[in-house]
Amino acid sequence: MSLIKNPKSDDAILKFSSLALTDIKGTWQYLSEQGEEIAKKLIRAITEKCEFLSRNPKVGRERNDLLVNLRLFPFKNYNIFYFPIENGVEIYRVLHSSRDIIQVFDDVIDDTK
């Protein structure tokens, strides 16, 4: 898990799960085929939105139906799933909106059995 101190607020903490980092890396790889600048711009925008969430952890919609305490914040064509934590958030997944979210989370539950 990566820990990033948010430069805009000394109190806000932004963490990324290994799954979220894999999601972001996959997005980068896919978009960079269309152009590195396109990929850079979107990843920067997603990161900035994650920083916003770290300062405003309650803005996302609760998705307890998927995982307890999970929240969802849609951004562009992506869904940012995160958990509020003390003084910030942990970004759990960053998935394209075309993905079957129920199946993705069912797979997570299946992997823990």
N, C-alpha and C. Protein backbone atom coordinates (compact mmCIF):
# COMPACT_ATOMS: atom_id res chain seq x y z
N MET A 1 0.84 -1.16 0.00
CA MET A 1 0.00 0.00 0.00
C MET A 1 0.89 1.23 0.00
N SER A 2 0.56 2.19 -0.82
CA SER A 2 1.35 3.41 -0.91
C SER A 2 0.70 4.50 -0.07
N LEU A 3 1.51 5.24 0.67
CA LEU A 3 1.01 6.34 1.48
C LEU A 3 1.54 7.63 0.91
N ILE A 4 0.64 8.55 0.60
CA ILE A 4 1.03 9.84 0.05
C ILE A 4 0.46 10.91 0.96
N LYS A 5 1.28 11.78 1.46
CA LYS A 5 0.82 12.91 2.25
C LYS A 5 0.31 13.96 1.27
N ASN A 6 -0.89 14.41 1.47
CA ASN A 6 -1.49 15.37 0.57
C ASN A 6 -0.85 16.75 0.79
N PRO A 7 -0.23 17.33 -0.25
CA PRO A 7 0.43 18.62 -0.07
C PRO A 7 -0.52 19.78 0.19
N LYS A 8 -1.79 19.64 -0.13
CA LYS A 8 -2.73 20.74 0.03
C LYS A 8 -3.35 20.79 1.42
N SER A 9 -3.17 19.76 2.20
CA SER A 9 -3.72 19.72 3.55
C SER A 9 -2.85 18.82 4.40
N ASP A 10 -2.23 19.38 5.43
CA ASP A 10 -1.34 18.60 6.28
C ASP A 10 -2.06 17.47 6.99
N ASP A 11 -3.37 17.58 7.14
CA ASP A 11 -4.13 16.57 7.86
C ASP A 11 -4.65 15.45 6.97
N ALA A 12 -4.80 15.68 5.66
CA ALA A 12 -5.40 14.70 4.77
C ALA A 12 -4.40 13.63 4.37
N ILE A 13 -4.84 12.38 4.49
CA ILE A 13 -4.01 11.24 4.11
C ILE A 13 -4.65 10.56 2.91
N LEU A 14 -3.83 10.21 1.95
CA LEU A 14 -4.28 9.52 0.75
C LEU A 14 -3.46 8.25 0.60
N LYS A 15 -4.15 7.11 0.69
CA LYS A 15 -3.50 5.80 0.51
C LYS A 15 -4.10 5.14 -0.72
N PHE A 16 -3.29 4.32 -1.38
CA PHE A 16 -3.75 3.52 -2.51
C PHE A 16 -3.51 2.05 -2.19
N SER A 17 -4.53 1.22 -2.37
CA SER A 17 -4.35 -0.22 -2.23
C SER A 17 -3.53 -0.73 -3.42
N SER A 18 -3.00 -1.93 -3.29
CA SER A 18 -2.25 -2.50 -4.41
C SER A 18 -3.17 -2.72 -5.61
N LEU A 19 -4.44 -3.03 -5.37
CA LEU A 19 -5.40 -3.18 -6.49
C LEU A 19 -5.61 -1.86 -7.21
N ALA A 20 -5.72 -0.77 -6.45
CA ALA A 20 -5.90 0.55 -7.07
C ALA A 20 -4.69 0.92 -7.91
N LEU A 21 -3.50 0.65 -7.38
CA LEU A 21 -2.28 0.96 -8.14
C LEU A 21 -2.21 0.14 -9.42
N THR A 22 -2.64 -1.12 -9.34
CA THR A 22 -2.70 -1.96 -10.55
C THR A 22 -3.71 -1.42 -11.54
N ASP A 23 -4.87 -0.98 -11.04
CA ASP A 23 -5.90 -0.38 -11.92
C ASP A 23 -5.35 0.85 -12.64
N ILE A 24 -4.69 1.72 -11.89
CA ILE A 24 -4.16 2.96 -12.46
C ILE A 24 -3.06 2.66 -13.48
N LYS A 25 -2.21 1.71 -13.15
CA LYS A 25 -1.15 1.31 -14.09
C LYS A 25 -1.75 0.75 -15.38
N GLY A 26 -2.79 -0.07 -15.24
CA GLY A 26 -3.46 -0.62 -16.43
C GLY A 26 -4.10 0.46 -17.28
N THR A 27 -4.69 1.45 -16.64
CA THR A 27 -5.28 2.58 -17.35
C THR A 27 -4.20 3.34 -18.10
N TRP A 28 -3.09 3.58 -17.43
CA TRP A 28 -1.95 4.27 -18.06
C TRP A 28 -1.48 3.51 -19.30
N GLN A 29 -1.28 2.21 -19.15
CA GLN A 29 -0.79 1.40 -20.26
C GLN A 29 -1.74 1.42 -21.44
N TYR A 30 -3.03 1.29 -21.16
CA TYR A 30 -4.02 1.29 -22.23
C TYR A 30 -4.06 2.65 -22.94
N LEU A 31 -4.14 3.73 -22.17
CA LEU A 31 -4.26 5.05 -22.77
C LEU A 31 -2.97 5.52 -23.43
N SER A 32 -1.83 5.09 -22.94
CA SER A 32 -0.57 5.54 -23.53
C SER A 32 -0.40 5.01 -24.95
N GLU A 33 -1.14 3.96 -25.29
CA GLU A 33 -1.12 3.48 -26.68
C GLU A 33 -1.75 4.53 -27.60
N GLN A 34 -2.64 5.33 -27.07
CA GLN A 34 -3.28 6.40 -27.84
C GLN A 34 -2.47 7.69 -27.78
N GLY A 35 -1.56 7.75 -26.82
CA GLY A 35 -0.70 8.92 -26.68
C GLY A 35 -0.35 9.13 -25.22
N GLU A 36 0.93 9.34 -24.97
CA GLU A 36 1.38 9.49 -23.60
C GLU A 36 0.77 10.71 -22.91
N GLU A 37 0.57 11.78 -23.67
CA GLU A 37 -0.01 12.99 -23.08
C GLU A 37 -1.45 12.75 -22.64
N ILE A 38 -2.20 11.97 -23.40
CA ILE A 38 -3.58 11.62 -23.03
C ILE A 38 -3.58 10.86 -21.71
N ALA A 39 -2.70 9.88 -21.62
CA ALA A 39 -2.60 9.07 -20.40
C ALA A 39 -2.19 9.93 -19.21
N LYS A 40 -1.20 10.77 -19.40
CA LYS A 40 -0.70 11.62 -18.33
C LYS A 40 -1.80 12.55 -17.82
N LYS A 41 -2.57 13.12 -18.74
CA LYS A 41 -3.63 14.06 -18.37
C LYS A 41 -4.71 13.37 -17.54
N LEU A 42 -5.14 12.18 -17.96
CA LEU A 42 -6.19 11.48 -17.22
C LEU A 42 -5.69 11.00 -15.86
N ILE A 43 -4.51 10.43 -15.80
CA ILE A 43 -3.98 9.95 -14.52
C ILE A 43 -3.81 11.13 -13.55
N ARG A 44 -3.36 12.25 -14.05
CA ARG A 44 -3.24 13.45 -13.20
C ARG A 44 -4.61 13.87 -12.67
N ALA A 45 -5.63 13.85 -13.54
CA ALA A 45 -6.98 14.24 -13.12
C ALA A 45 -7.54 13.26 -12.09
N ILE A 46 -7.31 11.97 -12.29
CA ILE A 46 -7.78 10.97 -11.32
C ILE A 46 -7.07 11.18 -9.98
N THR A 47 -5.77 11.42 -10.02
CA THR A 47 -5.01 11.65 -8.79
C THR A 47 -5.51 12.89 -8.06
N GLU A 48 -5.78 13.95 -8.80
CA GLU A 48 -6.32 15.17 -8.18
C GLU A 48 -7.68 14.91 -7.55
N LYS A 49 -8.50 14.10 -8.20
CA LYS A 49 -9.82 13.77 -7.63
C LYS A 49 -9.64 12.93 -6.37
N CYS A 50 -8.66 12.05 -6.35
CA CYS A 50 -8.39 11.26 -5.15
C CYS A 50 -7.92 12.17 -4.01
N GLU A 51 -7.13 13.18 -4.32
CA GLU A 51 -6.71 14.15 -3.32
C GLU A 51 -7.93 14.90 -2.77
N PHE A 52 -8.85 15.27 -3.65
CA PHE A 52 -10.10 15.91 -3.22
C PHE A 52 -10.85 14.99 -2.26
N LEU A 53 -10.94 13.71 -2.59
CA LEU A 53 -11.65 12.76 -1.74
C LEU A 53 -10.97 12.63 -0.38
N SER A 54 -9.64 12.73 -0.35
CA SER A 54 -8.93 12.62 0.93
C SER A 54 -9.31 13.76 1.87
N ARG A 55 -9.65 14.90 1.30
CA ARG A 55 -10.05 16.06 2.10
C ARG A 55 -11.57 16.08 2.36
N ASN A 56 -12.31 15.28 1.58
CA ASN A 56 -13.78 15.26 1.65
C ASN A 56 -14.27 13.81 1.59
N PRO A 57 -13.93 13.00 2.56
CA PRO A 57 -14.19 11.56 2.45
C PRO A 57 -15.66 11.14 2.44
N LYS A 58 -16.55 12.01 2.80
CA LYS A 58 -17.97 11.63 2.87
C LYS A 58 -18.74 11.96 1.58
N VAL A 59 -18.10 12.55 0.57
CA VAL A 59 -18.84 12.98 -0.62
C VAL A 59 -19.30 11.81 -1.49
N GLY A 60 -18.61 10.72 -1.44
CA GLY A 60 -18.99 9.57 -2.28
C GLY A 60 -20.22 8.87 -1.74
N ARG A 61 -20.85 8.13 -2.62
CA ARG A 61 -22.05 7.37 -2.26
C ARG A 61 -21.65 6.08 -1.55
N GLU A 62 -22.34 5.74 -0.48
CA GLU A 62 -22.06 4.49 0.22
C GLU A 62 -22.40 3.31 -0.66
N ARG A 63 -21.53 2.30 -0.63
CA ARG A 63 -21.77 1.05 -1.37
C ARG A 63 -21.52 -0.14 -0.45
N ASN A 64 -22.24 -0.14 0.68
CA ASN A 64 -22.14 -1.23 1.64
C ASN A 64 -22.60 -2.56 1.05
N ASP A 65 -23.35 -2.50 -0.06
CA ASP A 65 -23.79 -3.72 -0.72
C ASP A 65 -22.61 -4.46 -1.35
N LEU A 66 -21.52 -3.74 -1.60
CA LEU A 66 -20.33 -4.37 -2.19
C LEU A 66 -19.33 -4.77 -1.11
N LEU A 67 -18.98 -3.83 -0.25
CA LEU A 67 -18.10 -4.06 0.89
C LEU A 67 -18.47 -3.06 1.98
N VAL A 68 -18.39 -3.47 3.21
CA VAL A 68 -18.75 -2.61 4.33
C VAL A 68 -17.84 -1.38 4.35
N ASN A 69 -18.46 -0.21 4.50
CA ASN A 69 -17.80 1.11 4.56
C ASN A 69 -17.23 1.60 3.23
N LEU A 70 -17.46 0.87 2.15
CA LEU A 70 -16.97 1.27 0.83
C LEU A 70 -17.80 2.44 0.31
N ARG A 71 -17.13 3.36 -0.35
CA ARG A 71 -17.80 4.49 -1.00
C ARG A 71 -17.39 4.53 -2.47
N LEU A 72 -18.25 5.14 -3.27
CA LEU A 72 -18.04 5.26 -4.71
C LEU A 72 -18.15 6.72 -5.11
N PHE A 73 -17.18 7.16 -5.91
CA PHE A 73 -17.24 8.50 -6.48
C PHE A 73 -16.99 8.37 -7.98
N PRO A 74 -18.03 8.61 -8.82
CA PRO A 74 -17.82 8.55 -10.26
C PRO A 74 -17.05 9.77 -10.75
N PHE A 75 -16.11 9.54 -11.64
CA PHE A 75 -15.32 10.63 -12.20
C PHE A 75 -15.00 10.31 -13.65
N LYS A 76 -15.47 11.18 -14.54
CA LYS A 76 -15.34 10.96 -15.98
C LYS A 76 -15.89 9.57 -16.29
N ASN A 77 -15.12 8.71 -16.96
CA ASN A 77 -15.58 7.36 -17.27
C ASN A 77 -15.07 6.33 -16.28
N TYR A 78 -14.75 6.78 -15.08
CA TYR A 78 -14.16 5.89 -14.07
C TYR A 78 -14.96 5.96 -12.78
N ASN A 79 -14.90 4.89 -12.03
CA ASN A 79 -15.49 4.81 -10.70
C ASN A 79 -14.36 4.65 -9.71
N ILE A 80 -14.28 5.58 -8.77
CA ILE A 80 -13.26 5.52 -7.73
C ILE A 80 -13.93 4.94 -6.49
N PHE A 81 -13.48 3.76 -6.08
CA PHE A 81 -13.98 3.11 -4.88
C PHE A 81 -12.97 3.35 -3.78
N TYR A 82 -13.47 3.74 -2.61
CA TYR A 82 -12.54 4.07 -1.53
C TYR A 82 -13.18 3.82 -0.17
N PHE A 83 -12.31 3.73 0.83
CA PHE A 83 -12.73 3.63 2.21
C PHE A 83 -12.31 4.89 2.94
N PRO A 84 -13.23 5.54 3.65
CA PRO A 84 -12.81 6.63 4.53
C PRO A 84 -11.95 6.04 5.66
N ILE A 85 -10.87 6.71 5.98
CA ILE A 85 -10.01 6.33 7.10
C ILE A 85 -9.81 7.58 7.95
N GLU A 86 -9.19 7.42 9.09
CA GLU A 86 -8.94 8.58 9.93
C GLU A 86 -8.08 9.58 9.17
N ASN A 87 -8.57 10.80 9.03
CA ASN A 87 -7.87 11.90 8.36
C ASN A 87 -7.66 11.70 6.86
N GLY A 88 -8.51 10.91 6.20
CA GLY A 88 -8.33 10.76 4.76
C GLY A 88 -9.10 9.59 4.18
N VAL A 89 -8.52 9.01 3.13
CA VAL A 89 -9.15 7.88 2.44
C VAL A 89 -8.09 6.88 1.99
N GLU A 90 -8.55 5.66 1.79
CA GLU A 90 -7.76 4.65 1.10
C GLU A 90 -8.49 4.34 -0.20
N ILE A 91 -7.85 4.62 -1.31
CA ILE A 91 -8.43 4.31 -2.62
C ILE A 91 -8.30 2.81 -2.81
N TYR A 92 -9.43 2.16 -3.00
CA TYR A 92 -9.45 0.69 -3.09
C TYR A 92 -9.37 0.20 -4.53
N ARG A 93 -10.18 0.79 -5.41
CA ARG A 93 -10.16 0.43 -6.84
C ARG A 93 -10.45 1.68 -7.66
N VAL A 94 -9.93 1.70 -8.89
CA VAL A 94 -10.25 2.74 -9.87
C VAL A 94 -10.58 1.99 -11.15
N LEU A 95 -11.89 1.86 -11.42
CA LEU A 95 -12.36 0.99 -12.51
C LEU A 95 -13.11 1.80 -13.57
N HIS A 96 -12.90 1.42 -14.81
CA HIS A 96 -13.65 2.04 -15.90
C HIS A 96 -15.13 1.74 -15.71
N SER A 97 -15.97 2.69 -16.04
CA SER A 97 -17.41 2.55 -15.80
C SER A 97 -18.05 1.45 -16.64
N SER A 98 -17.37 0.97 -17.66
CA SER A 98 -17.92 -0.11 -18.46
C SER A 98 -17.75 -1.49 -17.80
N ARG A 99 -16.92 -1.53 -16.75
CA ARG A 99 -16.70 -2.81 -16.06
C ARG A 99 -17.94 -3.24 -15.30
N ASP A 100 -18.14 -4.55 -15.21
CA ASP A 100 -19.23 -5.12 -14.43
C ASP A 100 -18.81 -5.10 -12.96
N ILE A 101 -19.24 -4.07 -12.25
CA ILE A 101 -18.81 -3.83 -10.87
C ILE A 101 -19.20 -4.99 -9.96
N ILE A 102 -20.40 -5.50 -10.12
CA ILE A 102 -20.84 -6.62 -9.28
C ILE A 102 -19.91 -7.81 -9.47
N GLN A 103 -19.56 -8.11 -10.70
CA GLN A 103 -18.67 -9.24 -10.97
C GLN A 103 -17.28 -9.00 -10.38
N VAL A 104 -16.76 -7.79 -10.51
CA VAL A 104 -15.45 -7.46 -9.96
C VAL A 104 -15.43 -7.71 -8.46
N PHE A 105 -16.45 -7.25 -7.76
CA PHE A 105 -16.48 -7.41 -6.32
C PHE A 105 -16.83 -8.84 -5.90
N ASP A 106 -17.62 -9.54 -6.71
CA ASP A 106 -17.85 -10.96 -6.44
C ASP A 106 -16.55 -11.73 -6.53
N ASP A 107 -15.71 -11.37 -7.51
CA ASP A 107 -14.41 -12.03 -7.65
C ASP A 107 -13.53 -11.78 -6.42
N VAL A 108 -13.59 -10.58 -5.86
CA VAL A 108 -12.82 -10.27 -4.66
C VAL A 108 -13.27 -11.15 -3.50
N ILE A 109 -14.59 -11.28 -3.35
CA ILE A 109 -15.13 -12.10 -2.28
C ILE A 109 -14.75 -13.57 -2.50
N ASP A 110 -14.83 -14.04 -3.75
CA ASP A 110 -14.44 -15.42 -4.06
C ASP A 110 -12.98 -15.68 -3.75
N ASP A 111 -12.11 -14.69 -3.99
CA ASP A 111 -10.68 -14.84 -3.74
C ASP A 111 -10.35 -14.93 -2.26
N THR A 112 -11.24 -14.43 -1.40
CA THR A 112 -10.97 -14.46 0.04
C THR A 112 -11.46 -15.74 0.68
N LYS A 113 -12.18 -16.57 -0.06
CA LYS A 113 -12.70 -17.84 0.51
C LYS A 113 -11.64 -18.91 0.50
